[in-house]
Protein backbone atom coordinates (compact mmCIF):
# COMPACT_ATOMS: atom_id res chain seq x y z
CA MET A 1 136.78 -61.32 -127.25
CA ARG A 2 134.91 -60.26 -124.10
CA ASN A 3 131.40 -61.66 -123.65
CA THR A 4 128.98 -58.71 -123.58
CA THR A 5 125.83 -60.80 -123.21
CA LEU A 6 126.17 -61.95 -119.57
CA MET A 7 124.40 -59.75 -117.02
CA GLY A 8 126.94 -60.31 -114.21
CA PRO A 9 129.85 -58.22 -115.58
CA TRP A 10 127.50 -55.40 -116.58
CA MET A 11 125.94 -55.38 -113.12
CA ARG A 12 129.34 -55.17 -111.49
CA ARG A 13 130.45 -52.28 -113.70
CA PHE A 14 127.17 -50.48 -113.11
CA LEU A 15 127.27 -50.72 -109.31
CA LEU A 16 131.01 -50.36 -108.62
CA GLU A 17 132.30 -48.24 -111.49
CA HIS A 18 129.41 -46.15 -112.80
CA LEU A 19 127.56 -45.25 -109.59
CA VAL A 20 130.66 -44.86 -107.41
CA ALA A 21 133.57 -43.77 -109.60
CA GLU A 22 131.84 -42.00 -112.49
CA ARG A 23 128.75 -40.40 -110.93
CA ASN A 24 129.88 -40.29 -107.29
CA LEU A 25 126.32 -40.72 -106.05
CA ALA A 26 125.47 -40.47 -102.38
CA ARG A 27 125.91 -43.59 -100.29
CA ASN A 28 122.17 -43.97 -99.71
CA THR A 29 121.50 -43.74 -103.45
CA GLN A 30 124.11 -46.41 -104.13
CA CYS A 31 122.46 -48.66 -101.53
CA SER A 32 119.04 -48.10 -103.11
CA TYR A 33 120.31 -49.16 -106.55
CA ARG A 34 122.09 -52.16 -105.03
CA ASP A 35 118.95 -53.25 -103.16
CA THR A 36 116.97 -53.16 -106.41
CA MET A 37 119.46 -55.52 -108.06
CA VAL A 38 119.47 -57.78 -104.99
CA LEU A 39 115.72 -58.22 -105.48
CA LEU A 40 115.77 -58.34 -109.29
CA LEU A 41 118.45 -60.98 -109.92
CA PRO A 42 116.95 -63.78 -107.74
CA PHE A 43 113.53 -63.03 -109.25
CA MET A 44 114.98 -63.42 -112.77
CA SER A 45 116.71 -66.63 -111.76
CA ARG A 46 113.51 -68.14 -110.32
CA SER A 47 111.33 -67.01 -113.23
CA LEU A 48 113.69 -68.26 -115.94
CA LYS A 49 114.93 -71.30 -113.95
CA SER A 50 118.49 -70.29 -114.73
CA PRO A 51 121.52 -69.85 -112.45
CA ILE A 52 122.20 -66.23 -111.58
CA ASP A 53 125.70 -66.32 -113.06
CA ARG A 54 124.31 -67.47 -116.45
CA LEU A 55 121.69 -64.73 -116.83
CA THR A 56 122.09 -62.61 -119.95
CA VAL A 57 121.12 -59.04 -120.77
CA ASN A 58 118.33 -60.16 -123.11
CA ASP A 59 116.84 -62.29 -120.33
CA LEU A 60 115.69 -59.02 -118.76
CA SER A 61 112.71 -58.44 -121.05
CA PRO A 62 110.01 -55.77 -120.64
CA ALA A 63 107.52 -58.53 -119.76
CA LEU A 64 109.83 -59.78 -117.01
CA VAL A 65 110.28 -56.26 -115.66
CA ARG A 66 106.50 -55.87 -115.43
CA ARG A 67 106.18 -59.20 -113.60
CA PHE A 68 108.92 -58.08 -111.20
CA LEU A 69 107.07 -54.85 -110.45
CA GLU A 70 103.84 -56.80 -109.86
CA HIS A 71 105.78 -59.11 -107.51
CA LEU A 72 106.96 -56.09 -105.49
CA GLU A 73 103.41 -54.84 -105.02
CA ARG A 74 101.64 -58.18 -104.56
CA ASP A 75 104.15 -60.24 -102.56
CA ARG A 76 106.25 -57.61 -100.79
CA GLY A 77 103.46 -55.09 -100.17
CA CYS A 78 105.34 -52.17 -101.78
CA GLY A 79 103.51 -48.99 -102.71
CA GLY A 80 103.52 -47.11 -105.97
CA GLY A 81 106.41 -44.89 -104.89
CA THR A 82 108.67 -47.87 -104.15
CA ARG A 83 107.63 -49.50 -107.41
CA ASN A 84 108.69 -46.42 -109.35
CA LEU A 85 111.95 -46.21 -107.40
CA ARG A 86 112.89 -49.78 -108.39
CA LEU A 87 111.86 -49.17 -111.99
CA GLY A 88 114.05 -46.04 -112.07
CA ALA A 89 117.07 -48.13 -111.07
CA ILE A 90 116.31 -50.64 -113.86
CA HIS A 91 116.00 -47.80 -116.37
CA SER A 92 119.40 -46.49 -115.27
CA LEU A 93 120.95 -49.94 -115.70
CA ALA A 94 119.48 -50.23 -119.21
CA LYS A 95 120.77 -46.79 -120.17
CA PHE A 96 124.23 -47.68 -118.86
CA ILE A 97 124.38 -50.89 -120.90
CA GLY A 98 122.87 -49.35 -124.05
CA SER A 99 125.31 -46.42 -124.07
CA ARG A 100 128.31 -48.78 -123.93
CA SER A 101 127.08 -51.66 -126.06
CA PRO A 102 125.46 -50.57 -129.37
CA GLU A 103 124.13 -54.07 -130.02
CA HIS A 104 121.91 -53.69 -126.95
CA LEU A 105 120.50 -50.31 -127.95
CA ALA A 106 117.15 -51.74 -129.12
CA TRP A 107 116.88 -53.73 -125.88
CA CYS A 108 117.62 -50.56 -123.90
CA THR A 109 114.81 -48.70 -125.67
CA GLU A 110 112.32 -51.47 -124.86
CA ILE A 111 113.27 -51.59 -121.15
CA ARG A 112 113.13 -47.82 -120.78
CA GLY A 113 109.71 -47.93 -122.44
CA VAL A 114 108.21 -49.59 -119.34
CA PRO A 115 106.27 -46.64 -117.88
CA PHE A 116 106.23 -45.30 -114.36
CA ARG A 117 102.95 -45.49 -112.51
CA LYS A 118 101.16 -42.29 -111.69
CA THR A 119 100.82 -42.08 -107.92
CA ALA A 120 98.92 -39.77 -105.62
CA LYS A 121 101.06 -37.09 -104.04
CA PRO A 122 101.24 -37.73 -100.28
CA VAL A 123 99.86 -35.07 -97.98
CA MET A 124 102.63 -33.24 -96.14
CA THR A 125 102.29 -33.37 -92.36
CA TYR A 126 103.60 -30.63 -90.09
CA LEU A 127 103.01 -29.52 -86.51
CA ASP A 128 101.54 -26.26 -85.30
CA LYS A 129 103.53 -24.29 -82.73
CA PRO A 130 101.65 -25.63 -79.64
CA GLU A 131 102.05 -29.19 -80.93
CA MET A 132 105.78 -28.74 -81.50
CA ASN A 133 106.16 -27.21 -78.04
CA ALA A 134 104.43 -30.24 -76.54
CA VAL A 135 106.84 -32.61 -78.30
CA LEU A 136 109.85 -30.58 -77.11
CA ALA A 137 108.52 -30.63 -73.55
CA ALA A 138 108.09 -34.43 -73.54
CA PRO A 139 111.66 -35.50 -72.51
CA ASP A 140 112.55 -35.35 -68.81
CA ARG A 141 115.48 -32.93 -68.96
CA SER A 142 116.49 -33.69 -65.36
CA THR A 143 117.94 -37.03 -66.55
CA GLU A 144 120.93 -37.55 -68.83
CA GLN A 145 118.87 -39.40 -71.44
CA GLY A 146 116.11 -36.79 -71.34
CA ALA A 147 118.59 -33.94 -71.80
CA ARG A 148 120.05 -35.74 -74.82
CA ASP A 149 116.60 -36.41 -76.29
CA TYR A 150 115.66 -32.75 -75.88
CA ALA A 151 118.92 -31.68 -77.55
CA ILE A 152 118.17 -33.90 -80.58
CA LEU A 153 114.57 -32.68 -80.91
CA GLN A 154 115.63 -29.05 -80.52
CA PHE A 155 118.42 -29.51 -83.11
CA LEU A 156 116.04 -31.09 -85.64
CA TYR A 157 113.52 -28.29 -85.16
CA ASN A 158 116.15 -25.53 -85.29
CA THR A 159 117.99 -26.72 -88.39
CA GLY A 160 115.33 -28.66 -90.31
CA ALA A 161 118.07 -31.23 -90.89
CA ARG A 162 117.38 -34.60 -92.43
CA VAL A 163 117.74 -37.39 -89.91
CA ASP A 164 120.86 -38.76 -91.65
CA GLU A 165 122.45 -35.31 -91.56
CA ALA A 166 121.76 -34.96 -87.84
CA ALA A 167 123.12 -38.43 -87.06
CA GLN A 168 126.39 -37.73 -88.89
CA ILE A 169 127.42 -34.40 -87.35
CA THR A 170 130.60 -34.30 -85.26
CA VAL A 171 131.74 -31.91 -82.56
CA GLY A 172 134.04 -30.28 -85.14
CA ASP A 173 131.00 -29.40 -87.28
CA LEU A 174 129.74 -27.03 -84.55
CA ARG A 175 130.91 -23.42 -84.65
CA TRP A 176 130.78 -21.39 -81.43
CA GLY A 177 130.93 -17.62 -81.16
CA SER A 178 128.65 -14.63 -81.46
CA LEU A 179 126.71 -16.46 -84.20
CA CYS A 180 126.71 -20.20 -83.53
CA SER A 181 126.19 -22.51 -86.51
CA VAL A 182 126.52 -26.10 -87.65
CA ARG A 183 128.02 -27.58 -90.80
CA LEU A 184 125.70 -30.11 -92.46
CA LEU A 185 126.57 -32.57 -95.20
CA GLY A 186 123.43 -33.04 -97.29
CA LYS A 187 122.32 -34.93 -100.39
CA GLY A 188 124.84 -35.13 -103.19
CA ASN A 189 127.64 -34.35 -100.70
CA LYS A 190 126.55 -30.70 -100.65
CA ILE A 191 127.67 -28.73 -97.61
CA ARG A 192 125.58 -26.00 -96.00
CA HIS A 193 125.85 -23.99 -92.78
CA CYS A 194 122.82 -23.44 -90.59
CA PRO A 195 122.64 -20.92 -87.72
CA LEU A 196 121.78 -22.15 -84.24
CA TRP A 197 119.47 -20.45 -81.79
CA PRO A 198 121.12 -19.51 -78.46
CA ASN A 199 118.98 -22.11 -76.69
CA THR A 200 120.05 -24.84 -79.14
CA ALA A 201 123.72 -23.83 -78.83
CA GLY A 202 123.44 -23.97 -75.04
CA VAL A 203 122.04 -27.50 -74.87
CA LEU A 204 124.57 -28.73 -77.47
CA LYS A 205 127.50 -27.26 -75.51
CA ALA A 206 126.32 -29.03 -72.38
CA LEU A 207 125.85 -32.25 -74.34
CA VAL A 208 129.26 -32.49 -76.05
CA GLY A 209 131.32 -31.34 -73.04
CA ASN A 210 135.03 -31.92 -73.69
CA ARG A 211 134.71 -34.43 -76.51
CA GLY A 212 137.18 -34.37 -79.41
CA PRO A 213 136.32 -32.70 -82.74
CA HIS A 214 136.00 -36.02 -84.58
CA GLU A 215 133.51 -37.55 -82.16
CA ARG A 216 129.81 -37.64 -82.97
CA VAL A 217 127.57 -35.13 -81.23
CA PHE A 218 124.65 -37.48 -80.56
CA LEU A 219 125.48 -40.73 -78.76
CA ASN A 220 123.16 -43.44 -77.44
CA ARG A 221 123.23 -44.90 -73.93
CA LEU A 222 126.06 -47.25 -74.97
CA ARG A 223 128.12 -44.22 -76.05
CA GLN A 224 127.80 -45.31 -79.67
CA PRO A 225 126.79 -42.93 -82.49
CA PHE A 226 123.06 -42.48 -82.93
CA THR A 227 121.56 -44.03 -86.06
CA ARG A 228 118.64 -42.68 -88.05
CA PHE A 229 116.54 -45.57 -86.69
CA GLY A 230 117.43 -44.53 -83.14
CA MET A 231 116.34 -40.97 -83.87
CA TYR A 232 113.10 -42.21 -85.37
CA ASN A 233 112.35 -44.17 -82.20
CA LEU A 234 113.25 -41.14 -80.08
CA VAL A 235 110.75 -38.94 -81.93
CA GLN A 236 108.09 -41.63 -81.58
CA ARG A 237 108.64 -41.81 -77.80
CA ALA A 238 108.34 -38.04 -77.46
CA VAL A 239 105.18 -37.93 -79.58
CA ARG A 240 103.50 -40.71 -77.59
CA LYS A 241 104.12 -38.78 -74.37
CA ALA A 242 103.06 -35.45 -75.89
CA ARG A 243 99.73 -36.92 -77.04
CA THR A 244 98.54 -37.05 -73.44
CA THR A 245 98.53 -33.25 -73.28
CA MET A 246 97.99 -32.48 -76.99
CA PRO A 247 95.23 -34.77 -78.38
CA SER A 248 95.52 -33.27 -81.88
CA LEU A 249 98.78 -35.21 -82.32
CA LYS A 250 96.82 -38.47 -82.39
CA ALA A 251 95.51 -37.68 -85.86
CA LYS A 252 98.99 -37.12 -87.34
CA ARG A 253 101.66 -39.57 -88.45
CA ILE A 254 104.88 -38.04 -87.15
CA SER A 255 108.52 -38.85 -87.93
CA PRO A 256 111.80 -36.90 -87.84
CA HIS A 257 111.00 -35.66 -91.36
CA THR A 258 107.77 -34.19 -90.00
CA VAL A 259 109.91 -31.99 -87.74
CA ARG A 260 111.82 -30.87 -90.85
CA HIS A 261 108.55 -29.87 -92.53
CA THR A 262 107.48 -28.11 -89.32
CA SER A 263 110.69 -26.06 -89.24
CA ALA A 264 110.13 -24.92 -92.84
CA VAL A 265 106.48 -23.95 -92.30
CA HIS A 266 107.28 -22.01 -89.12
CA LEU A 267 110.09 -20.14 -90.88
CA LEU A 268 107.66 -19.25 -93.65
CA ARG A 269 105.08 -18.02 -91.15
CA GLY A 270 107.80 -15.96 -89.48
CA GLY A 271 108.31 -13.98 -92.68
CA VAL A 272 111.51 -15.64 -93.91
CA ASP A 273 111.68 -15.48 -97.70
CA ILE A 274 111.35 -18.70 -99.66
CA ASN A 275 114.87 -18.58 -101.13
CA THR A 276 116.44 -18.38 -97.66
CA ILE A 277 114.38 -21.37 -96.57
CA ARG A 278 115.62 -23.26 -99.64
CA GLY A 279 119.23 -22.72 -98.55
CA TRP A 280 118.31 -23.48 -94.93
CA LEU A 281 116.90 -26.90 -95.85
CA GLY A 282 119.44 -27.70 -98.56
CA HIS A 283 116.96 -27.99 -101.44
CA VAL A 284 118.43 -28.00 -104.93
CA SER A 285 115.30 -26.62 -106.59
CA LEU A 286 113.16 -23.74 -105.39
CA ASP A 287 110.11 -25.69 -106.59
CA THR A 288 110.64 -28.15 -103.73
CA THR A 289 110.53 -25.35 -101.17
CA HIS A 290 107.39 -23.80 -102.70
CA VAL A 291 105.46 -26.85 -101.48
CA TYR A 292 105.47 -25.40 -97.96
CA ALA A 293 103.71 -22.26 -99.14
CA GLU A 294 101.02 -24.42 -100.72
CA VAL A 295 100.26 -26.56 -97.66
CA ASP A 296 100.21 -23.88 -94.93
CA LEU A 297 96.54 -23.43 -94.07
CA GLU A 298 97.21 -20.52 -91.71
CA MET A 299 98.78 -18.43 -94.48
CA LYS A 300 95.96 -19.39 -96.84
CA ALA A 301 93.41 -18.23 -94.25
CA LYS A 302 95.20 -14.88 -93.87
CA ALA A 303 95.27 -14.42 -97.64
CA LEU A 304 91.56 -15.21 -97.82
CA ALA A 305 90.82 -12.66 -95.09
CA CYS A 306 92.71 -9.98 -97.01
CA CYS A 307 90.70 -10.69 -100.16
CA ASP A 308 87.32 -11.04 -98.46
CA ILE A 309 84.75 -8.56 -99.82
CA PRO A 310 81.82 -7.84 -97.49
CA GLU A 311 78.48 -8.57 -98.98
CA ARG A 312 76.63 -5.36 -99.85
CA VAL A 313 72.90 -4.94 -99.55
CA ARG A 314 71.56 -4.61 -103.06
CA PRO A 315 69.05 -1.74 -103.62
CA ARG A 316 65.48 -2.76 -104.08
CA ASN A 317 63.92 -2.37 -107.48
CA LYS A 318 61.07 0.03 -106.68
CA ARG A 319 59.50 -0.28 -110.08
CA LYS A 320 59.42 -4.04 -109.89
CA ASP A 321 58.05 -3.96 -106.34
CA GLY A 322 55.36 -1.51 -107.43
CA ASN A 323 54.28 -3.76 -110.28
CA VAL A 324 53.98 -6.67 -107.90
CA ILE A 325 51.81 -4.68 -105.51
CA GLU A 326 49.53 -3.58 -108.34
CA PHE A 327 49.25 -7.17 -109.52
CA LEU A 328 48.29 -8.34 -106.03
CA ARG A 329 45.62 -5.61 -105.72
CA SER A 330 44.08 -6.73 -108.98
CA LEU A 331 43.43 -10.23 -107.67
């Protein structure tokens, strides 16, 4: 009879069979779940003074889960968002085991009873049009590296693509013609097509040259595909240079995802309807896109101006004034 108490076989089935074969989750999501287990198992082994291969399902108690979450915050310096992310992976593991092993159903309920922590919603950062123009003007386009950096910044601003999506595009994903566009592979392996501005299409054509359809569009100086970390560093370089001419950038924490937010806000200001922006950015829920309407101060100011009612001069109460005058005369 197969031993259903050891954690090892369950962990293997969860990571290799459930996440990959059954749910077909995105690669980054699989890596996130794996990283949680890489941190959790050694912590369990140290806490219980037991070899990793002898850990059982019941060894993962709610008290141990809480100590693990405290360890993440205290020793690893993780924030509340990361804490909840790791706890979500543990909840998924417990649900997987409980749904396939009825004898562990009570254990599953206890683990999933460990609550998420309420965290403050981070403030969304975006750039105003002059700030974005300053960042785009930062690369020296007379050099090969500067032309490539400008092409990446312009592509991120045009498409609002996530940095992983931009790093993965190939020459074959670009469509030339009267209406140029790019094919993007987003979260959950969802495909969307985004139109390209003529300026963006021009710099991309010059960048890819005669490369084959299966080659990446964005290459580093070693002619290797750009990574998301390389794009992050590129944006940081451009922002540092742009701060010399645009001091307002010093007060903002800017990353490639900031450019994505900027693209959405500028589309909204341009009169594009919220549902089109949802498809443009690849959001599953319209509620996610509505966030941009809530954070745009310029649109809020315009709405306030439309609703502003000028203060009217109230008529004086003659009778009351007369009574006051009579009272003063009587003194």
